[in-house]
């Protein structure tokens, strides 16, 4: 017994997996999950791709226990290499207000030197936040948390190249998304609603009650007035869904509720509040711009409050626990983790859990992970990888950590999925039809050829066929096996990375 325990601990430690905490309850999974194929499927769907020997390690510890640990990321220490890599990115540690102040100061210098300095500042900030995003996906042992961060950032998308969002997008992910992806949805919803990146991206910082004394005016003196952009996307995308049962009247009423909820652009005229962020956070509520009338929202009467921000709190609670939100987000989660067209019975059970727990996301995820639908043969190896998932999974399969990931950011742009790079608020699509086309396939094969030959930009890396093959388990098709058998040994790694089998998770 002692020998068996030692071997288990060795196999777990070898792959960077910590031992399971005694107070972490394992999941009740179907028998199909507790096999080598089940371990591979879990790693394919719940991480950015297995690393060499990781399938065996997860099978040893037990897929149920491994998955329970992933649902408790704070119990998983991060690898020292990731900690060191993140420590070397200074702009990821600066506050939103600090970054804004420097950007605003540099904008005031209209000289050529000033423009060049501002350009270099922006480049350095963007490089740091993209590198941190990429490094976490590649190296973190909290893989489920990182996958969920990717999912929820995409769900609450903001665009890197809109105004000041290029300096705020990293903090948005690190402070408004990642800490809450395994908590209650209501908390995540408010964290995104308060962040300057979202307020700027969907224009709620301009949202004022018509005629309010501190409302914004343009150069011609025209008042901004009511802005419905964020209110509309808050219901259509973030919560209820396009068929969620709301009307244009609800959009207008929610926009009225959200008046004054914005940015501290004139500190002397802003009253700051916020229990989620540091005192220098640039979010602020301005009572002078709020509409204090009563509102009729989704069948509820929201009374005009002297402290108008309480109206926003009430509206967010209504949205977070609405049956349409439960259905809409359960479908999106099942689509991301199970199938492009997930089984309706599974979505219904997840929505029921959502309503019963009032949006407790670990409970909803457990309902999905414990379902037979998640582990069914027809769900295995059928989700087509997005470009980001493909690139990161290839590096993980080859056990490759590039010294400089910058060339890969260019590769992702060519593949159609630049980091933080989609302009529309609905984010990148998560279905096969959005990514499987001849041009994209040709670009993936070009990447597979370069990586298989050990090249990332100008850098040389070590990668071999055996490492990549070990992450595929028994997933290789007869056609791929036949092609490998007849290929030049020097090309086999590239063939594996470019095979149809590796394109799916």
Protein backbone atom coordinates (compact mmCIF):
# COMPACT_ATOMS: atom_id res chain seq x y z
CA UNK A 1 0.00 0.00 0.00
CA UNK A 2 2.83 2.38 0.89
CA UNK A 3 4.57 1.65 -2.42
CA UNK A 4 1.36 2.33 -4.35
CA UNK A 5 0.91 5.64 -2.53
CA UNK A 6 4.49 6.69 -3.26
CA UNK A 7 4.12 5.85 -6.94
CA UNK A 8 0.91 7.87 -7.09
CA UNK A 9 2.55 10.90 -5.51
CA UNK A 10 5.54 10.60 -7.81
CA UNK A 11 3.36 10.47 -10.91
CA UNK A 12 1.35 13.48 -9.75
CA UNK A 13 4.41 15.54 -8.82
CA UNK A 14 6.12 14.63 -12.08
CA UNK A 15 3.37 16.32 -14.07
CA UNK A 16 3.09 19.34 -11.82
CA UNK A 17 -0.18 18.25 -10.19
CA UNK A 18 -0.45 18.79 -6.42
CA UNK A 19 -1.96 16.21 -4.14
CA UNK A 20 -5.67 16.59 -3.51
CA UNK A 21 -6.62 18.44 -0.35
CA UNK A 22 -8.54 16.27 2.09
CA UNK A 23 -11.48 18.70 2.23
CA UNK A 24 -11.94 18.74 -1.56
CA UNK A 25 -14.86 16.47 -2.38
CA UNK A 26 -14.42 14.38 -5.55
CA UNK A 27 -17.13 14.40 -8.16
CA UNK A 28 -19.47 11.51 -8.90
CA UNK A 29 -18.52 10.73 -12.48
CA UNK A 30 -19.78 8.02 -14.85
CA UNK A 31 -17.63 4.91 -15.22
CA UNK A 32 -16.51 6.11 -18.67
CA UNK A 33 -14.67 8.98 -17.02
CA UNK A 34 -12.47 6.75 -14.87
CA UNK A 35 -10.39 5.35 -17.74
CA UNK A 36 -7.38 6.45 -19.76
CA UNK A 37 -9.75 7.73 -22.45
CA UNK A 38 -11.73 9.55 -19.79
CA UNK A 39 -8.55 11.20 -18.51
CA UNK A 40 -7.60 12.26 -22.03
CA UNK A 41 -11.10 13.65 -22.67
CA UNK A 42 -10.98 15.58 -19.38
CA UNK A 43 -7.61 17.09 -20.28
CA UNK A 44 -8.76 17.88 -23.82
CA UNK A 45 -11.88 19.71 -22.66
CA UNK A 46 -10.95 21.15 -19.29
CA UNK A 47 -7.41 22.35 -20.00
CA UNK A 48 -5.61 23.98 -22.90
CA UNK A 49 -4.44 20.49 -23.86
CA UNK A 50 -2.60 17.66 -22.15
CA UNK A 51 1.15 17.70 -21.64
CA UNK A 52 3.31 14.59 -22.11
CA UNK A 53 2.61 11.87 -19.50
CA UNK A 54 -0.25 13.92 -18.03
CA UNK A 55 -2.98 11.51 -19.14
CA UNK A 56 -1.45 8.73 -17.07
CA UNK A 57 -0.92 11.04 -14.09
CA UNK A 58 -4.56 12.16 -14.07
CA UNK A 59 -5.74 8.57 -14.40
CA UNK A 60 -3.54 7.62 -11.44
CA UNK A 61 -4.93 10.30 -9.17
CA UNK A 62 -8.44 9.69 -10.45
CA UNK A 63 -10.28 11.95 -12.89
CA UNK A 64 -12.88 12.69 -10.22
CA UNK A 65 -10.30 13.86 -7.70
CA UNK A 66 -8.29 15.78 -10.30
CA UNK A 67 -11.40 17.59 -11.48
CA UNK A 68 -12.49 18.41 -7.92
CA UNK A 69 -9.08 20.00 -7.38
CA UNK A 70 -9.40 22.03 -10.57
CA UNK A 71 -12.67 23.42 -9.21
CA UNK A 72 -10.67 24.68 -6.20
CA UNK A 73 -7.80 26.54 -7.92
CA UNK A 74 -6.55 28.32 -4.81
CA UNK A 75 -5.43 24.90 -3.54
CA UNK A 76 -3.13 24.51 -6.56
CA UNK A 77 0.28 26.23 -6.32
CA UNK A 78 1.43 27.82 -9.53
CA UNK A 79 4.68 26.58 -11.12
CA UNK A 80 7.72 28.68 -10.18
CA UNK A 81 8.44 29.24 -13.89
CA UNK A 82 5.06 30.94 -14.33
CA UNK A 83 5.48 33.01 -11.17
CA UNK A 84 8.88 34.20 -12.41
CA UNK A 85 7.56 34.94 -15.89
CA UNK A 86 4.67 37.04 -14.53
CA UNK A 87 6.99 38.88 -12.15
CA UNK A 88 9.00 40.09 -15.17
CA UNK A 89 5.97 41.94 -16.62
CA UNK A 90 5.84 45.25 -14.71
CA UNK A 91 2.87 46.79 -16.51
CA UNK A 92 0.57 44.00 -15.32
CA UNK A 93 0.99 45.19 -11.73
CA UNK A 94 -0.01 48.82 -12.25
CA UNK A 95 -3.44 50.15 -11.34
CA UNK A 96 -6.00 51.34 -13.87
CA UNK A 97 -5.66 54.91 -12.63
CA UNK A 98 -1.86 54.83 -12.79
CA UNK A 99 -1.90 53.59 -16.38
CA UNK A 100 -4.53 56.17 -17.31
CA UNK A 101 -2.51 59.03 -15.79
CA UNK A 102 0.61 58.14 -17.75
CA UNK A 103 -1.31 57.67 -21.00
CA UNK A 104 -3.15 60.99 -20.52
CA UNK A 105 0.12 62.79 -19.75
CA UNK A 106 1.80 61.38 -22.85
CA UNK A 107 -1.15 62.40 -25.01
CA UNK A 108 -0.60 66.03 -24.05
CA UNK A 109 2.89 66.02 -25.60
CA UNK A 110 2.28 66.61 -29.33
CA UNK A 111 5.97 66.65 -30.30
CA UNK A 112 7.51 63.86 -32.36
CA UNK A 113 9.44 62.67 -29.32
CA UNK A 114 6.27 62.70 -27.25
CA UNK A 115 4.38 60.69 -29.85
CA UNK A 116 7.20 58.17 -30.02
CA UNK A 117 7.31 57.87 -26.21
CA UNK A 118 3.57 57.30 -26.09
CA UNK A 119 3.82 54.69 -28.83
CA UNK A 120 6.54 52.86 -26.90
CA UNK A 121 4.52 53.02 -23.67
CA UNK A 122 1.48 51.54 -25.37
CA UNK A 123 3.56 48.84 -27.02
CA UNK A 124 5.12 47.86 -23.69
CA UNK A 125 1.76 47.68 -21.90
CA UNK A 126 0.14 45.62 -24.65
CA UNK A 127 3.13 43.29 -24.87
CA UNK A 128 3.09 42.68 -21.12
CA UNK A 129 -0.62 41.93 -20.83
CA UNK A 130 -0.66 39.66 -23.89
CA UNK A 131 2.37 37.80 -22.60
CA UNK A 132 0.75 37.31 -19.20
CA UNK A 133 -2.44 36.01 -20.82
CA UNK A 134 -0.50 33.60 -23.00
CA UNK A 135 1.86 32.42 -20.24
CA UNK A 136 -1.03 31.63 -17.89
CA UNK A 137 -2.79 29.53 -20.53
CA UNK A 138 0.42 27.71 -21.38
CA UNK A 139 2.00 27.16 -17.97
CA UNK A 140 -0.61 27.44 -15.23
CA UNK A 141 -1.60 24.28 -13.35
CA UNK A 142 -4.93 25.97 -12.63
CA UNK A 143 -6.03 25.01 -16.10
CA UNK A 144 -9.79 24.95 -15.57
CA UNK A 145 -9.65 28.44 -14.08
CA UNK A 146 -7.66 29.66 -17.09
CA UNK A 147 -10.05 28.02 -19.54
CA UNK A 148 -12.99 29.63 -17.73
CA UNK A 149 -11.18 32.98 -17.73
CA UNK A 150 -10.85 32.62 -21.49
CA UNK A 151 -14.56 31.75 -21.77
CA UNK A 152 -15.85 34.55 -19.56
CA UNK A 153 -13.55 37.21 -21.00
CA UNK A 154 -14.90 36.29 -24.40
CA UNK A 155 -18.44 36.43 -23.00
CA UNK A 156 -17.85 39.88 -21.45
CA UNK A 157 -15.66 40.95 -24.34
CA UNK A 158 -13.91 44.30 -24.57
CA UNK A 159 -11.80 45.37 -27.56
CA UNK A 160 -8.13 46.19 -27.11
CA UNK A 161 -8.11 49.01 -29.66
CA UNK A 162 -10.99 51.14 -28.39
CA UNK A 163 -9.65 54.27 -26.71
CA UNK A 164 -8.06 53.63 -23.35
CA UNK A 165 -8.99 49.94 -23.28
CA UNK A 166 -5.54 48.96 -24.50
CA UNK A 167 -4.13 49.99 -21.11
CA UNK A 168 -7.03 48.58 -19.07
CA UNK A 169 -7.65 45.22 -20.72
CA UNK A 170 -5.04 43.33 -18.68
CA UNK A 171 -6.42 44.54 -15.34
CA UNK A 172 -9.93 43.83 -16.60
CA UNK A 173 -9.02 40.17 -17.07
CA UNK A 174 -6.97 39.90 -13.88
CA UNK A 175 -9.30 41.77 -11.54
CA UNK A 176 -12.82 41.59 -12.99
CA UNK A 177 -12.79 38.12 -14.59
CA UNK A 178 -10.28 35.58 -13.24
CA UNK A 179 -11.00 35.94 -9.49
CA UNK A 180 -14.73 35.28 -10.01
CA UNK A 181 -15.00 32.53 -12.64
CA UNK A 182 -15.49 29.87 -9.97
CA UNK A 183 -17.75 31.91 -7.73
CA UNK A 184 -21.26 33.31 -8.00
CA UNK A 185 -22.28 34.79 -11.34
CA UNK A 186 -23.81 37.85 -9.68
CA UNK A 187 -20.38 38.84 -8.35
CA UNK A 188 -18.73 38.33 -11.75
CA UNK A 189 -21.47 40.37 -13.42
CA UNK A 190 -20.94 43.34 -11.13
CA UNK A 191 -17.16 43.12 -11.34
CA UNK A 192 -17.36 43.55 -15.12
CA UNK A 193 -20.03 46.25 -14.80
CA UNK A 194 -17.72 48.32 -12.59
CA UNK A 195 -14.55 48.03 -14.60
CA UNK A 196 -13.38 51.04 -16.64
CA UNK A 197 -12.58 48.81 -19.62
CA UNK A 198 -16.25 47.78 -19.92
CA UNK A 199 -17.60 51.22 -19.06
CA UNK A 200 -15.47 52.76 -21.79
CA UNK A 201 -15.95 49.99 -24.36
CA UNK A 202 -19.77 50.07 -24.23
CA UNK A 203 -19.98 53.81 -23.51
CA UNK A 204 -21.81 53.79 -20.19
CA UNK A 205 -19.38 56.43 -18.94
CA UNK A 206 -21.29 58.79 -21.27
CA UNK A 207 -24.72 57.74 -19.98
CA UNK A 208 -26.51 60.66 -18.31
CA UNK A 209 -30.07 61.57 -17.48
CA UNK A 210 -31.22 64.16 -20.05
CA UNK A 211 -30.76 67.63 -18.64
CA UNK A 212 -28.56 66.49 -15.74
CA UNK A 213 -26.29 69.29 -14.47
CA UNK A 214 -23.03 67.41 -15.02
CA UNK A 215 -23.94 65.61 -18.24
CA UNK A 216 -21.26 65.52 -20.92
CA UNK A 217 -21.41 67.85 -23.94
CA UNK A 218 -19.52 67.64 -27.21
CA UNK A 219 -17.55 70.44 -28.86
CA UNK A 220 -20.78 71.91 -30.29
CA UNK A 221 -22.48 71.90 -26.91
CA UNK A 222 -24.74 68.93 -27.68
CA UNK A 223 -25.57 66.85 -24.62
CA UNK A 224 -24.78 63.12 -24.62
CA UNK A 225 -27.90 62.20 -22.68
CA UNK A 226 -29.13 58.63 -22.37
CA UNK A 227 -26.79 56.00 -23.86
CA UNK A 228 -28.30 52.53 -24.27
CA UNK A 229 -25.26 50.65 -25.59
CA UNK A 230 -24.24 48.92 -22.38
CA UNK A 231 -27.83 48.35 -21.23
CA UNK A 232 -28.63 46.54 -24.46
CA UNK A 233 -25.55 44.29 -24.44
CA UNK A 234 -25.94 43.64 -20.71
CA UNK A 235 -29.25 41.92 -21.49
CA UNK A 236 -28.71 40.59 -25.02
CA UNK A 237 -25.23 39.13 -24.51
CA UNK A 238 -24.21 39.13 -20.86
CA UNK A 239 -27.38 37.77 -19.23
CA UNK A 240 -30.82 37.09 -20.75
CA UNK A 241 -29.88 36.37 -24.35
CA UNK A 242 -31.41 37.77 -27.51
CA UNK A 243 -34.56 35.69 -26.97
CA UNK A 244 -34.66 36.36 -23.24
CA UNK A 245 -38.06 38.04 -23.19
CA UNK A 246 -37.05 41.68 -22.76
CA UNK A 247 -38.37 44.61 -24.77
CA UNK A 248 -37.02 47.92 -26.05
CA UNK A 249 -38.76 49.52 -23.07
CA UNK A 250 -36.64 47.32 -20.76
CA UNK A 251 -33.48 48.49 -22.56
CA UNK A 252 -34.43 52.13 -22.04
CA UNK A 253 -35.36 51.57 -18.40
CA UNK A 254 -32.08 49.78 -17.71
CA UNK A 255 -30.18 52.62 -19.36
CA UNK A 256 -32.01 55.04 -17.02
CA UNK A 257 -31.01 52.86 -14.06
CA UNK A 258 -27.38 52.96 -15.22
CA UNK A 259 -27.15 56.76 -15.52
CA UNK A 260 -24.26 58.13 -13.50
CA UNK A 261 -22.52 54.73 -13.37
CA UNK A 262 -19.24 55.59 -15.03
CA UNK A 263 -15.70 56.92 -14.82
CA UNK A 264 -14.10 59.47 -12.52
CA UNK A 265 -13.02 61.87 -15.26
CA UNK A 266 -13.47 64.96 -13.07
CA UNK A 267 -12.50 63.89 -9.53
CA UNK A 268 -13.64 67.11 -7.88
CA UNK A 269 -17.19 66.49 -9.12
CA UNK A 270 -17.38 62.73 -8.61
CA UNK A 271 -18.44 60.83 -5.53
CA UNK A 272 -16.47 57.58 -5.53
CA UNK A 273 -17.75 54.34 -4.08
CA UNK A 274 -16.84 50.72 -4.52
CA UNK A 275 -16.11 47.84 -2.19
CA UNK A 276 -14.50 45.66 -4.86
CA UNK A 277 -11.58 47.84 -5.87
CA UNK A 278 -8.71 49.94 -4.56
CA UNK A 279 -9.30 53.62 -3.71
CA UNK A 280 -7.51 54.78 -6.88
CA UNK A 281 -9.81 52.81 -9.15
CA UNK A 282 -11.23 55.01 -11.90
CA UNK A 283 -14.80 53.76 -11.54
CA UNK A 284 -17.17 56.26 -9.96
CA UNK A 285 -20.85 56.91 -9.48
CA UNK A 286 -21.94 60.48 -10.21
CA UNK A 287 -25.26 61.29 -8.52
CA UNK A 288 -25.58 64.53 -10.51
CA UNK A 289 -26.04 62.52 -13.73
CA UNK A 290 -28.55 59.98 -12.43
CA UNK A 291 -32.21 59.67 -13.40
CA UNK A 292 -34.10 59.51 -10.09
CA UNK A 293 -37.49 58.56 -11.48
CA UNK A 294 -39.10 55.17 -10.84
CA UNK A 295 -38.41 52.48 -13.47
CA UNK A 296 -40.38 49.48 -14.72
CA UNK A 297 -37.80 46.82 -15.55
CA UNK A 298 -38.59 43.22 -16.53
CA UNK A 299 -41.84 43.35 -14.61
CA UNK A 300 -40.24 44.84 -11.48
CA UNK A 301 -40.71 48.35 -10.14
CA UNK A 302 -37.35 49.85 -9.21
CA UNK A 303 -37.94 52.89 -7.08
CA UNK A 304 -35.85 55.98 -7.68
CA UNK A 305 -33.16 55.97 -4.98
CA UNK A 306 -31.39 58.92 -3.41
CA UNK A 307 -28.34 56.68 -3.66
CA UNK A 308 -28.97 55.80 -7.29
CA UNK A 309 -26.21 53.19 -7.49
CA UNK A 310 -28.46 50.92 -5.40
CA UNK A 311 -30.79 50.74 -8.40
CA UNK A 312 -27.96 49.23 -10.44
CA UNK A 313 -27.30 46.68 -7.69
CA UNK A 314 -30.98 45.68 -7.76
CA UNK A 315 -31.09 45.41 -11.55
CA UNK A 316 -27.95 43.25 -11.65
CA UNK A 317 -29.48 40.89 -9.08
CA UNK A 318 -32.64 40.58 -11.17
CA UNK A 319 -30.61 39.81 -14.30
CA UNK A 320 -28.22 37.35 -12.62
CA UNK A 321 -31.01 35.13 -11.26
CA UNK A 322 -33.48 35.41 -14.15
CA UNK A 323 -34.63 32.10 -15.74
CA UNK A 324 -33.62 33.39 -19.19
CA UNK A 325 -30.10 34.06 -17.92
CA UNK A 326 -29.93 30.54 -16.47
CA UNK A 327 -30.94 29.03 -19.82
CA UNK A 328 -28.80 31.31 -21.97
CA UNK A 329 -25.59 30.86 -20.00
CA UNK A 330 -26.12 27.14 -19.39
CA UNK A 331 -26.39 26.71 -23.15
CA UNK A 332 -23.21 28.72 -23.76
CA UNK A 333 -21.25 26.76 -21.16
CA UNK A 334 -22.47 23.45 -22.57
CA UNK A 335 -21.64 24.61 -26.08
CA UNK A 336 -18.11 25.51 -25.00
CA UNK A 337 -17.42 22.33 -23.03
CA UNK A 338 -19.63 19.64 -24.58
CA UNK A 339 -20.80 20.19 -28.17
CA UNK A 340 -21.58 22.92 -30.69
CA UNK A 341 -25.22 21.81 -30.36
CA UNK A 342 -25.38 20.59 -26.75
CA UNK A 343 -28.11 18.17 -25.65
CA UNK A 344 -31.15 20.11 -24.51
CA UNK A 345 -31.70 17.81 -21.52
CA UNK A 346 -28.24 18.70 -20.21
CA UNK A 347 -28.80 22.43 -20.71
CA UNK A 348 -32.12 22.15 -18.85
CA UNK A 349 -30.50 20.41 -15.87
CA UNK A 350 -27.73 23.00 -15.72
CA UNK A 351 -30.32 25.80 -15.83
CA UNK A 352 -32.22 24.16 -13.00
CA UNK A 353 -29.05 24.06 -10.92
CA UNK A 354 -28.43 27.72 -11.78
CA UNK A 355 -31.86 28.70 -10.48
CA UNK A 356 -31.63 26.48 -7.41
CA UNK A 357 -28.21 27.89 -6.38
CA UNK A 358 -28.86 31.43 -7.65
CA UNK A 359 -25.98 31.30 -10.10
CA UNK A 360 -23.36 29.34 -8.18
CA UNK A 361 -21.07 28.47 -11.06
CA UNK A 362 -19.15 25.54 -9.50
CA UNK A 363 -22.52 23.85 -8.90
CA UNK A 364 -23.58 24.42 -12.51
CA UNK A 365 -20.24 23.08 -13.75
CA UNK A 366 -20.53 20.02 -11.51
CA UNK A 367 -23.93 19.29 -13.02
CA UNK A 368 -22.30 19.33 -16.45
CA UNK A 369 -19.18 17.37 -15.48
CA UNK A 370 -21.17 14.66 -13.70
CA UNK A 371 -23.52 14.22 -16.65
CA UNK A 372 -23.33 11.22 -19.01
CA UNK A 373 -23.58 13.67 -21.92
CA UNK A 374 -20.19 15.21 -21.14
CA UNK A 375 -18.48 11.80 -21.31
CA UNK A 376 -20.51 10.29 -24.15
CA UNK A 377 -18.55 8.87 -27.12
CA UNK A 378 -20.36 11.24 -29.49
CA UNK A 379 -18.97 14.19 -27.52
CA UNK A 380 -15.36 12.96 -27.41
CA UNK A 381 -12.92 14.62 -29.80
CA UNK A 382 -15.64 16.60 -31.55
CA UNK A 383 -14.95 20.20 -30.49
CA UNK A 384 -12.86 22.01 -33.10
CA UNK A 385 -10.10 24.07 -31.49
CA UNK A 386 -10.09 27.81 -31.89
CA UNK A 387 -6.76 29.22 -33.14
CA UNK A 388 -5.71 30.18 -29.59
CA UNK A 389 -6.59 26.72 -28.26
CA UNK A 390 -4.76 25.10 -31.16
CA UNK A 391 -1.53 27.05 -30.74
CA UNK A 392 -1.40 26.65 -26.95
CA UNK A 393 -2.30 22.95 -27.10
CA UNK A 394 0.48 22.34 -29.64
CA UNK A 395 3.05 23.94 -27.35
CA UNK A 396 1.77 22.02 -24.33
CA UNK A 397 1.81 18.74 -26.28
CA UNK A 398 5.41 19.34 -27.25
CA UNK A 399 6.32 20.53 -23.75
CA UNK A 400 7.57 23.77 -25.31
CA UNK A 401 7.82 27.09 -23.47
CA UNK A 402 9.06 29.76 -25.88
CA UNK A 403 11.54 32.29 -24.55
CA UNK A 404 9.68 35.01 -26.45
CA UNK A 405 6.00 34.46 -27.31
CA UNK A 406 5.77 37.60 -29.47
CA UNK A 407 6.02 35.72 -32.81
CA UNK A 408 3.06 33.60 -31.69
CA UNK A 409 0.93 36.73 -31.25
CA UNK A 410 1.52 37.48 -34.92
CA UNK A 411 0.67 33.88 -35.74
CA UNK A 412 -2.64 34.22 -33.88
CA UNK A 413 -3.44 37.35 -35.89
CA UNK A 414 -2.83 35.41 -39.09
CA UNK A 415 -5.04 32.61 -37.82
CA UNK A 416 -7.85 35.09 -37.17
CA UNK A 417 -7.85 35.25 -33.36
CA UNK A 418 -5.55 37.99 -32.06
CA UNK A 419 -5.51 38.23 -28.26
CA UNK A 420 -8.10 40.80 -27.07
CA UNK A 421 -8.59 41.55 -30.74
CA UNK A 422 -12.26 41.16 -31.66
CA UNK A 423 -14.09 44.45 -32.06
CA UNK A 424 -17.68 43.32 -31.53
CA UNK A 425 -19.11 42.71 -28.03
CA UNK A 426 -20.25 39.15 -28.83
CA UNK A 427 -16.62 37.94 -28.82
CA UNK A 428 -15.08 35.13 -30.85
CA UNK A 429 -17.32 32.28 -31.97
CA UNK A 430 -16.77 28.94 -30.23
CA UNK A 431 -18.10 26.61 -32.93
CA UNK A 432 -16.44 24.69 -35.75
CA UNK A 433 -18.21 26.55 -38.56
CA UNK A 434 -16.48 29.79 -37.53
CA UNK A 435 -12.94 28.40 -37.89
CA UNK A 436 -12.85 25.45 -40.28
CA UNK A 437 -12.13 26.80 -43.77
CA UNK A 438 -9.38 26.24 -46.38
CA UNK A 439 -7.44 29.45 -45.66
CA UNK A 440 -7.39 28.88 -41.92
CA UNK A 441 -6.41 25.24 -42.40
CA UNK A 442 -3.49 26.23 -44.62
CA UNK A 443 -2.25 28.66 -41.98
CA UNK A 444 -2.51 26.00 -39.26
CA UNK A 445 -0.50 23.59 -41.36
CA UNK A 446 2.15 26.25 -41.88
CA UNK A 447 2.36 26.74 -38.12
CA UNK A 448 2.50 22.95 -37.55
CA UNK A 449 5.35 22.65 -40.05
CA UNK A 450 7.39 25.38 -38.39
CA UNK A 451 6.81 24.13 -34.84
CA UNK A 452 7.40 20.51 -35.88
CA UNK A 453 10.77 21.62 -37.22
CA UNK A 454 11.55 23.33 -33.90
CA UNK A 455 11.05 26.94 -35.01
CA UNK A 456 9.13 29.73 -33.27
CA UNK A 457 9.98 32.94 -35.05
CA UNK A 458 13.76 33.19 -34.95
CA UNK A 459 14.05 30.91 -31.92
CA UNK A 460 14.83 27.21 -31.98
CA UNK A 461 12.96 24.88 -29.63
CA UNK A 462 13.12 21.18 -28.89
CA UNK A 463 10.04 19.13 -29.76
CA UNK A 464 9.67 15.46 -30.64
CA UNK A 465 7.12 13.06 -32.05
CA UNK A 466 6.87 10.89 -28.92
CA UNK A 467 5.83 13.79 -26.69
CA UNK A 468 3.07 14.91 -29.02
CA UNK A 469 1.90 11.34 -29.65
CA UNK A 470 1.59 10.66 -25.93
CA UNK A 471 -0.98 13.46 -25.57
CA UNK A 472 -3.25 11.96 -28.21
CA UNK A 473 -3.62 8.57 -26.57
CA UNK A 474 -5.69 6.32 -28.83
CA UNK A 475 -7.23 9.24 -30.70
CA UNK A 476 -5.13 8.82 -33.84
CA UNK A 477 -7.17 7.67 -36.80
CA UNK A 478 -6.00 4.83 -39.10
CA UNK A 479 -5.47 7.40 -41.86
CA UNK A 480 -3.12 9.45 -39.67
CA UNK A 481 -1.26 6.32 -38.52
CA UNK A 482 -0.80 5.27 -42.14
CA UNK A 483 0.50 8.71 -43.14
CA UNK A 484 2.95 8.73 -40.24
CA UNK A 485 4.24 5.26 -41.05
CA UNK A 486 5.19 6.28 -44.58
CA UNK A 487 6.51 9.76 -43.76
CA UNK A 488 10.06 10.98 -43.34
CA UNK A 489 10.78 10.72 -39.57
CA UNK A 490 11.80 14.37 -39.58
CA UNK A 491 8.29 15.35 -40.65
CA UNK A 492 6.27 13.20 -38.30
CA UNK A 493 5.96 15.76 -35.51
CA UNK A 494 4.61 18.31 -37.97
CA UNK A 495 2.23 15.71 -39.38
CA UNK A 496 0.90 14.97 -35.91
CA UNK A 497 0.39 18.65 -35.11
CA UNK A 498 -1.30 19.23 -38.45
CA UNK A 499 -3.44 16.10 -38.40
CA UNK A 500 -7.24 16.25 -38.21
CA UNK A 501 -6.97 14.37 -34.91
CA UNK A 502 -5.02 17.22 -33.30
CA UNK A 503 -7.43 19.88 -34.58
CA UNK A 504 -10.16 18.64 -32.25
CA UNK A 505 -10.40 18.42 -28.50
